[in-house]
């Protein structure tokens, strides 16, 4: 019995180390600000794309998007979609204000660890995805989508 208990304890302990923790962000609707709530991470890129809702999936409208990518030396842990700052460059097929007025939007936020915090654990980046219908309050919390429990 003690052997089984010990074996189960080892399996549970190892599974905690195999699966990295999920990263959380806060999206503030009123000022369109994205803030990373987990330490040691910064925003690598943000992509906002219009979509058409379908029965069981969403169909992205590739011609209507805005993308922010890190271009400066150091990325930020907080960023307003309306003011990308000096460390990010913006590209897209539509103006930000015009895109944000669309009803159906998909947000994809790529997050990366600061260089000084990177380790050899294989978990240096993550992705948080959400759609506009999930934005229900002024402040909304979303977590990364990797498949760990």
N, C-alpha and C. Protein backbone atom coordinates (compact mmCIF):
# COMPACT_ATOMS: atom_id res chain seq x y z
N UNK A 1 0.82 -1.20 0.00
CA UNK A 1 0.00 0.00 0.00
C UNK A 1 0.86 1.26 0.00
N UNK A 2 1.95 1.22 0.80
CA UNK A 2 2.83 2.38 0.87
C UNK A 2 3.51 2.62 -0.48
N UNK A 3 3.83 1.53 -1.19
CA UNK A 3 4.47 1.68 -2.50
C UNK A 3 3.54 2.38 -3.48
N UNK A 4 2.25 2.02 -3.45
CA UNK A 4 1.28 2.66 -4.36
C UNK A 4 1.08 4.13 -4.02
N UNK A 5 1.02 4.44 -2.74
CA UNK A 5 0.87 5.83 -2.32
C UNK A 5 2.08 6.64 -2.77
N UNK A 6 3.26 6.08 -2.60
CA UNK A 6 4.47 6.76 -3.01
C UNK A 6 4.51 6.96 -4.52
N UNK A 7 4.10 5.94 -5.27
CA UNK A 7 4.08 6.02 -6.73
C UNK A 7 3.09 7.08 -7.21
N UNK A 8 1.92 7.11 -6.62
CA UNK A 8 0.91 8.12 -6.99
C UNK A 8 1.42 9.52 -6.67
N UNK A 9 2.08 9.68 -5.53
CA UNK A 9 2.64 10.98 -5.15
C UNK A 9 3.70 11.43 -6.15
N UNK A 10 4.53 10.53 -6.61
CA UNK A 10 5.56 10.87 -7.60
C UNK A 10 4.92 11.27 -8.93
N UNK A 11 3.91 10.55 -9.36
CA UNK A 11 3.23 10.88 -10.62
C UNK A 11 2.59 12.26 -10.55
N UNK A 12 1.91 12.54 -9.47
CA UNK A 12 1.27 13.86 -9.30
C UNK A 12 2.30 14.96 -9.27
N UNK A 13 3.38 14.76 -8.54
CA UNK A 13 4.43 15.77 -8.45
C UNK A 13 5.07 16.02 -9.81
N UNK A 14 5.37 14.97 -10.55
CA UNK A 14 5.98 15.13 -11.87
C UNK A 14 5.04 15.81 -12.85
N UNK A 15 3.77 15.52 -12.78
CA UNK A 15 2.83 16.15 -13.72
C UNK A 15 2.74 17.64 -13.48
N UNK A 16 2.95 18.09 -12.27
CA UNK A 16 2.94 19.53 -11.98
C UNK A 16 4.11 20.23 -12.67
N UNK A 17 5.24 19.54 -12.79
CA UNK A 17 6.40 20.15 -13.41
C UNK A 17 6.35 20.07 -14.93
N UNK A 18 5.67 19.09 -15.47
CA UNK A 18 5.59 18.91 -16.91
C UNK A 18 4.71 19.98 -17.54
N UNK A 19 3.63 20.32 -16.90
CA UNK A 19 2.67 21.28 -17.44
C UNK A 19 2.90 22.66 -16.84
N UNK A 20 3.30 23.64 -17.65
CA UNK A 20 3.53 24.98 -17.12
C UNK A 20 2.22 25.65 -16.74
N UNK A 21 2.34 26.64 -15.86
CA UNK A 21 1.13 27.35 -15.45
C UNK A 21 0.59 28.19 -16.60
N UNK A 22 -0.70 28.41 -16.58
CA UNK A 22 -1.33 29.23 -17.61
C UNK A 22 -1.10 30.70 -17.29
N UNK A 23 -0.96 31.49 -18.32
CA UNK A 23 -0.71 32.92 -18.18
C UNK A 23 -2.04 33.66 -18.29
N UNK A 24 -2.23 34.66 -17.44
CA UNK A 24 -3.47 35.44 -17.46
C UNK A 24 -3.21 36.86 -17.91
N UNK A 25 -4.19 37.40 -18.62
CA UNK A 25 -4.15 38.81 -19.00
C UNK A 25 -5.45 39.46 -18.57
N UNK A 26 -5.40 40.78 -18.43
CA UNK A 26 -6.60 41.55 -18.14
C UNK A 26 -6.85 42.47 -19.32
N UNK A 27 -8.07 42.45 -19.83
CA UNK A 27 -8.47 43.34 -20.92
C UNK A 27 -9.48 44.32 -20.35
N UNK A 28 -9.16 45.62 -20.45
CA UNK A 28 -10.06 46.66 -19.98
C UNK A 28 -10.78 47.24 -21.19
N UNK A 29 -12.08 47.08 -21.20
CA UNK A 29 -12.90 47.47 -22.35
C UNK A 29 -12.94 48.98 -22.55
N UNK A 30 -13.02 49.74 -21.46
CA UNK A 30 -13.20 51.19 -21.57
C UNK A 30 -12.02 51.89 -22.24
N UNK A 31 -10.80 51.47 -21.94
CA UNK A 31 -9.64 52.13 -22.55
C UNK A 31 -8.85 51.21 -23.48
N UNK A 32 -9.40 50.02 -23.77
CA UNK A 32 -8.79 49.05 -24.71
C UNK A 32 -7.36 48.70 -24.31
N UNK A 33 -7.15 48.45 -23.02
CA UNK A 33 -5.82 48.17 -22.50
C UNK A 33 -5.67 46.68 -22.19
N UNK A 34 -4.53 46.13 -22.57
CA UNK A 34 -4.19 44.74 -22.28
C UNK A 34 -3.02 44.74 -21.30
N UNK A 35 -3.18 43.99 -20.21
CA UNK A 35 -2.16 43.94 -19.16
C UNK A 35 -1.90 42.49 -18.79
N UNK A 36 -0.64 42.09 -18.74
CA UNK A 36 -0.28 40.73 -18.35
C UNK A 36 -0.28 40.66 -16.83
N UNK A 37 -0.97 39.68 -16.28
CA UNK A 37 -1.08 39.55 -14.83
C UNK A 37 -0.04 38.60 -14.25
N UNK A 38 0.68 37.89 -15.08
CA UNK A 38 1.71 36.96 -14.63
C UNK A 38 3.07 37.66 -14.69
N UNK A 39 3.89 37.40 -13.69
CA UNK A 39 5.21 38.03 -13.63
C UNK A 39 6.14 37.51 -14.72
N UNK A 40 7.13 38.31 -15.06
CA UNK A 40 8.24 37.92 -15.94
C UNK A 40 7.88 37.78 -17.41
N UNK A 41 6.71 38.23 -17.84
CA UNK A 41 6.30 38.12 -19.23
C UNK A 41 6.02 39.49 -19.83
N UNK A 42 6.14 39.60 -21.16
CA UNK A 42 5.79 40.82 -21.87
C UNK A 42 4.97 40.47 -23.10
N UNK A 43 4.33 41.49 -23.67
CA UNK A 43 3.51 41.31 -24.87
C UNK A 43 4.44 41.28 -26.08
N UNK A 44 4.49 40.17 -26.78
CA UNK A 44 5.30 40.04 -27.99
C UNK A 44 4.53 40.57 -29.20
N UNK A 45 3.25 40.22 -29.30
CA UNK A 45 2.44 40.73 -30.40
C UNK A 45 0.96 40.61 -30.06
N UNK A 46 0.17 41.43 -30.73
CA UNK A 46 -1.29 41.40 -30.61
C UNK A 46 -1.85 41.42 -32.02
N UNK A 47 -2.75 40.50 -32.31
CA UNK A 47 -3.44 40.48 -33.60
C UNK A 47 -4.94 40.53 -33.33
N UNK A 48 -5.61 41.47 -33.98
CA UNK A 48 -7.06 41.60 -33.87
C UNK A 48 -7.62 41.41 -35.27
N UNK A 49 -8.52 40.45 -35.43
CA UNK A 49 -9.07 40.12 -36.74
C UNK A 49 -10.59 40.03 -36.66
N UNK A 50 -11.25 40.60 -37.66
CA UNK A 50 -12.70 40.45 -37.73
C UNK A 50 -13.03 39.02 -38.13
N UNK A 51 -14.15 38.52 -37.64
CA UNK A 51 -14.58 37.17 -38.04
C UNK A 51 -16.07 37.15 -38.33
N UNK A 52 -16.47 36.09 -39.02
CA UNK A 52 -17.88 35.84 -39.31
C UNK A 52 -18.28 34.61 -38.50
N UNK A 53 -19.26 34.75 -37.60
CA UNK A 53 -19.65 33.58 -36.80
C UNK A 53 -20.35 32.53 -37.66
N UNK A 54 -19.94 31.29 -37.48
CA UNK A 54 -20.56 30.16 -38.16
C UNK A 54 -21.20 29.26 -37.10
N UNK A 55 -21.79 28.17 -37.51
CA UNK A 55 -22.52 27.31 -36.57
C UNK A 55 -21.63 26.78 -35.44
N UNK A 56 -20.47 26.21 -35.76
CA UNK A 56 -19.62 25.62 -34.73
C UNK A 56 -18.19 26.15 -34.76
N UNK A 57 -17.96 27.20 -35.50
CA UNK A 57 -16.61 27.76 -35.60
C UNK A 57 -16.71 29.21 -36.03
N UNK A 58 -15.56 29.87 -36.11
CA UNK A 58 -15.54 31.24 -36.63
C UNK A 58 -14.70 31.26 -37.90
N UNK A 59 -15.12 32.06 -38.84
CA UNK A 59 -14.40 32.22 -40.11
C UNK A 59 -13.74 33.59 -40.10
N UNK A 60 -12.41 33.62 -40.08
CA UNK A 60 -11.69 34.89 -40.03
C UNK A 60 -11.80 35.63 -41.35
N UNK A 61 -11.94 36.95 -41.26
CA UNK A 61 -11.94 37.81 -42.44
C UNK A 61 -10.52 38.37 -42.55
N UNK A 62 -9.69 37.70 -43.34
CA UNK A 62 -8.27 38.05 -43.41
C UNK A 62 -8.01 39.47 -43.90
N UNK A 63 -8.97 40.05 -44.58
CA UNK A 63 -8.77 41.40 -45.11
C UNK A 63 -9.02 42.48 -44.06
N UNK A 64 -9.53 42.12 -42.89
CA UNK A 64 -9.78 43.09 -41.83
C UNK A 64 -9.01 42.69 -40.57
N UNK A 65 -7.80 43.23 -40.42
CA UNK A 65 -6.99 42.90 -39.25
C UNK A 65 -6.07 44.07 -38.90
N UNK A 66 -5.62 44.06 -37.66
CA UNK A 66 -4.57 44.96 -37.19
C UNK A 66 -3.63 44.11 -36.36
N UNK A 67 -2.33 44.33 -36.54
CA UNK A 67 -1.34 43.55 -35.81
C UNK A 67 -0.29 44.48 -35.23
N UNK A 68 0.04 44.26 -33.97
CA UNK A 68 1.11 44.99 -33.29
C UNK A 68 2.23 43.99 -33.02
N UNK A 69 3.46 44.36 -33.37
CA UNK A 69 4.61 43.50 -33.11
C UNK A 69 5.67 44.28 -32.37
N UNK A 70 6.36 43.60 -31.47
CA UNK A 70 7.43 44.24 -30.72
C UNK A 70 8.55 44.62 -31.68
N UNK A 71 9.00 45.86 -31.59
CA UNK A 71 10.11 46.30 -32.43
C UNK A 71 11.21 46.94 -31.60
N UNK A 72 10.90 47.31 -30.38
CA UNK A 72 11.88 47.94 -29.51
C UNK A 72 12.71 46.92 -28.78
N UNK A 73 13.62 47.42 -27.98
CA UNK A 73 14.52 46.56 -27.24
C UNK A 73 13.77 45.75 -26.19
N UNK A 74 12.82 46.38 -25.53
CA UNK A 74 12.11 45.70 -24.45
C UNK A 74 10.61 45.82 -24.65
N UNK A 75 9.93 44.71 -24.57
CA UNK A 75 8.48 44.71 -24.69
C UNK A 75 7.83 45.16 -23.39
N UNK A 76 6.57 45.50 -23.47
CA UNK A 76 5.83 46.00 -22.31
C UNK A 76 4.91 44.92 -21.75
N UNK A 77 4.63 45.00 -20.46
CA UNK A 77 3.68 44.07 -19.85
C UNK A 77 2.26 44.63 -19.91
N UNK A 78 2.14 45.86 -20.42
CA UNK A 78 0.84 46.53 -20.50
C UNK A 78 0.83 47.40 -21.76
N UNK A 79 -0.29 47.40 -22.48
CA UNK A 79 -0.35 48.18 -23.72
C UNK A 79 -1.78 48.54 -24.05
N UNK A 80 -1.97 49.76 -24.53
CA UNK A 80 -3.28 50.18 -25.01
C UNK A 80 -3.35 49.95 -26.51
N UNK A 81 -4.45 49.40 -26.97
CA UNK A 81 -4.61 49.14 -28.40
C UNK A 81 -4.68 50.46 -29.17
N UNK A 82 -5.16 51.50 -28.53
CA UNK A 82 -5.26 52.81 -29.18
C UNK A 82 -3.92 53.54 -29.26
N UNK A 83 -2.95 53.17 -28.42
CA UNK A 83 -1.64 53.82 -28.40
C UNK A 83 -0.58 52.75 -28.24
N UNK A 84 0.01 52.31 -29.34
CA UNK A 84 0.94 51.19 -29.28
C UNK A 84 2.31 51.52 -28.72
N UNK A 85 2.64 52.78 -28.52
CA UNK A 85 3.91 53.15 -27.91
C UNK A 85 5.09 52.99 -28.86
N UNK A 86 6.27 53.27 -28.34
CA UNK A 86 7.46 53.30 -29.19
C UNK A 86 8.09 51.92 -29.41
N UNK A 87 7.75 50.94 -28.60
CA UNK A 87 8.37 49.62 -28.73
C UNK A 87 7.57 48.64 -29.59
N UNK A 88 6.51 49.12 -30.24
CA UNK A 88 5.68 48.26 -31.08
C UNK A 88 5.38 48.97 -32.39
N UNK A 89 5.40 48.23 -33.48
CA UNK A 89 4.96 48.81 -34.74
C UNK A 89 3.64 48.16 -35.12
N UNK A 90 2.84 48.92 -35.82
CA UNK A 90 1.49 48.48 -36.18
C UNK A 90 1.40 48.30 -37.68
N UNK A 91 0.74 47.23 -38.09
CA UNK A 91 0.43 47.05 -39.50
C UNK A 91 -0.99 46.49 -39.57
N UNK A 92 -1.60 46.68 -40.71
CA UNK A 92 -2.95 46.15 -40.86
C UNK A 92 -3.61 46.63 -42.13
N UNK A 93 -4.76 46.07 -42.37
CA UNK A 93 -5.49 46.39 -43.59
C UNK A 93 -6.60 47.40 -43.34
N UNK A 94 -6.73 47.83 -42.09
CA UNK A 94 -7.83 48.71 -41.70
C UNK A 94 -7.37 49.55 -40.51
N UNK A 95 -7.94 50.71 -40.33
CA UNK A 95 -7.59 51.55 -39.18
C UNK A 95 -8.11 50.91 -37.89
N UNK A 96 -7.37 51.10 -36.80
CA UNK A 96 -7.73 50.49 -35.53
C UNK A 96 -9.14 50.88 -35.09
N UNK A 97 -9.44 52.17 -35.13
CA UNK A 97 -10.76 52.64 -34.71
C UNK A 97 -11.89 52.02 -35.50
N UNK A 98 -11.68 51.89 -36.79
CA UNK A 98 -12.69 51.28 -37.66
C UNK A 98 -12.86 49.79 -37.33
N UNK A 99 -11.74 49.10 -37.09
CA UNK A 99 -11.81 47.68 -36.75
C UNK A 99 -12.50 47.47 -35.41
N UNK A 100 -12.18 48.29 -34.42
CA UNK A 100 -12.76 48.12 -33.09
C UNK A 100 -14.26 48.38 -33.07
N UNK A 101 -14.79 49.04 -34.09
CA UNK A 101 -16.23 49.26 -34.19
C UNK A 101 -16.97 48.04 -34.75
N UNK A 102 -16.23 47.05 -35.24
CA UNK A 102 -16.85 45.84 -35.77
C UNK A 102 -17.40 45.00 -34.61
N UNK A 103 -18.44 44.24 -34.87
CA UNK A 103 -19.11 43.47 -33.82
C UNK A 103 -18.35 42.20 -33.44
N UNK A 104 -17.78 41.51 -34.41
CA UNK A 104 -17.15 40.22 -34.16
C UNK A 104 -15.64 40.32 -34.37
N UNK A 105 -14.88 40.26 -33.26
CA UNK A 105 -13.42 40.36 -33.32
C UNK A 105 -12.78 39.21 -32.56
N UNK A 106 -11.67 38.71 -33.10
CA UNK A 106 -10.85 37.73 -32.41
C UNK A 106 -9.55 38.42 -32.00
N UNK A 107 -9.15 38.23 -30.75
CA UNK A 107 -7.91 38.80 -30.22
C UNK A 107 -6.94 37.65 -29.97
N UNK A 108 -5.71 37.79 -30.45
CA UNK A 108 -4.65 36.81 -30.20
C UNK A 108 -3.47 37.57 -29.64
N UNK A 109 -3.12 37.28 -28.37
CA UNK A 109 -2.02 37.97 -27.70
C UNK A 109 -0.91 36.95 -27.49
N UNK A 110 0.25 37.21 -28.09
CA UNK A 110 1.41 36.34 -27.91
C UNK A 110 2.27 36.94 -26.80
N UNK A 111 2.63 36.09 -25.86
CA UNK A 111 3.34 36.53 -24.67
C UNK A 111 4.68 35.79 -24.62
N UNK A 112 5.70 36.50 -24.15
CA UNK A 112 7.02 35.88 -24.06
C UNK A 112 7.68 36.29 -22.74
N UNK A 113 8.57 35.42 -22.24
CA UNK A 113 9.31 35.74 -21.02
C UNK A 113 10.38 36.77 -21.34
N UNK A 114 10.64 37.65 -20.36
CA UNK A 114 11.77 38.55 -20.49
C UNK A 114 13.05 37.72 -20.59
N UNK A 115 14.01 38.18 -21.36
CA UNK A 115 15.24 37.42 -21.63
C UNK A 115 15.95 37.00 -20.34
N UNK A 116 15.96 37.88 -19.34
CA UNK A 116 16.65 37.56 -18.08
C UNK A 116 15.95 36.47 -17.29
N UNK A 117 14.69 36.21 -17.59
CA UNK A 117 13.92 35.21 -16.86
C UNK A 117 13.84 33.87 -17.58
N UNK A 118 14.36 33.79 -18.80
CA UNK A 118 14.26 32.54 -19.56
C UNK A 118 15.14 31.46 -18.93
N UNK A 119 14.58 30.27 -18.87
CA UNK A 119 15.29 29.12 -18.33
C UNK A 119 15.19 28.00 -19.35
N UNK A 120 15.78 26.90 -19.06
CA UNK A 120 15.73 25.76 -19.98
C UNK A 120 14.55 24.84 -19.70
N UNK A 121 13.44 25.40 -19.24
CA UNK A 121 12.28 24.56 -18.95
C UNK A 121 11.36 24.41 -20.16
N UNK A 122 11.71 25.05 -21.28
CA UNK A 122 10.93 24.90 -22.50
C UNK A 122 9.66 25.72 -22.54
N UNK A 123 9.44 26.57 -21.57
CA UNK A 123 8.22 27.37 -21.51
C UNK A 123 8.59 28.85 -21.47
N UNK A 124 8.84 29.42 -22.64
CA UNK A 124 9.24 30.81 -22.72
C UNK A 124 8.20 31.69 -23.39
N UNK A 125 7.14 31.10 -23.93
CA UNK A 125 6.11 31.89 -24.59
C UNK A 125 4.75 31.20 -24.46
N UNK A 126 3.71 31.97 -24.72
CA UNK A 126 2.35 31.43 -24.63
C UNK A 126 1.43 32.30 -25.48
N UNK A 127 0.20 31.86 -25.66
CA UNK A 127 -0.79 32.59 -26.46
C UNK A 127 -2.10 32.65 -25.68
N UNK A 128 -2.71 33.84 -25.69
CA UNK A 128 -4.04 34.02 -25.11
C UNK A 128 -4.96 34.43 -26.25
N UNK A 129 -6.07 33.69 -26.40
CA UNK A 129 -7.05 33.99 -27.46
C UNK A 129 -8.40 34.22 -26.81
N UNK A 130 -9.12 35.21 -27.34
CA UNK A 130 -10.51 35.41 -26.94
C UNK A 130 -11.24 36.16 -28.04
N UNK A 131 -12.56 36.11 -27.99
CA UNK A 131 -13.38 36.79 -28.99
C UNK A 131 -14.21 37.86 -28.31
N UNK A 132 -14.69 38.81 -29.10
CA UNK A 132 -15.38 39.98 -28.56
C UNK A 132 -16.62 39.62 -27.74
N UNK A 133 -17.30 38.54 -28.06
CA UNK A 133 -18.49 38.18 -27.28
C UNK A 133 -18.15 37.73 -25.86
N UNK A 134 -16.89 37.40 -25.60
CA UNK A 134 -16.45 37.03 -24.25
C UNK A 134 -16.12 38.24 -23.39
N UNK A 135 -16.10 39.42 -23.98
CA UNK A 135 -15.84 40.65 -23.24
C UNK A 135 -17.17 41.14 -22.68
N UNK A 136 -17.43 40.84 -21.42
CA UNK A 136 -18.74 41.15 -20.84
C UNK A 136 -18.69 42.28 -19.82
N UNK A 137 -17.59 42.46 -19.14
CA UNK A 137 -17.43 43.52 -18.14
C UNK A 137 -16.43 44.54 -18.63
N UNK A 138 -16.24 45.60 -17.86
CA UNK A 138 -15.20 46.56 -18.23
C UNK A 138 -13.83 45.90 -18.09
N UNK A 139 -13.61 45.14 -17.01
CA UNK A 139 -12.35 44.41 -16.82
C UNK A 139 -12.64 42.92 -16.97
N UNK A 140 -11.91 42.28 -17.86
CA UNK A 140 -12.10 40.86 -18.16
C UNK A 140 -10.76 40.14 -18.04
N UNK A 141 -10.77 38.95 -17.45
CA UNK A 141 -9.56 38.14 -17.30
C UNK A 141 -9.65 36.97 -18.27
N UNK A 142 -8.56 36.77 -19.03
CA UNK A 142 -8.47 35.65 -19.96
C UNK A 142 -7.17 34.90 -19.68
N UNK A 143 -7.17 33.60 -19.91
CA UNK A 143 -5.97 32.79 -19.66
C UNK A 143 -5.50 32.14 -20.95
N UNK A 144 -4.25 31.71 -20.92
CA UNK A 144 -3.65 31.09 -22.10
C UNK A 144 -4.37 29.79 -22.44
N UNK A 145 -4.18 29.36 -23.66
CA UNK A 145 -4.96 28.25 -24.18
C UNK A 145 -4.19 26.96 -24.35
N UNK A 146 -3.03 26.81 -23.71
CA UNK A 146 -2.32 25.55 -23.91
C UNK A 146 -3.09 24.41 -23.23
N UNK A 147 -2.92 23.19 -23.70
CA UNK A 147 -3.82 22.09 -23.37
C UNK A 147 -3.66 21.45 -22.00
N UNK A 148 -2.85 21.98 -21.13
CA UNK A 148 -2.70 21.36 -19.81
C UNK A 148 -3.96 21.54 -18.97
N UNK A 149 -4.21 20.63 -18.04
CA UNK A 149 -5.42 20.72 -17.20
C UNK A 149 -5.36 21.87 -16.23
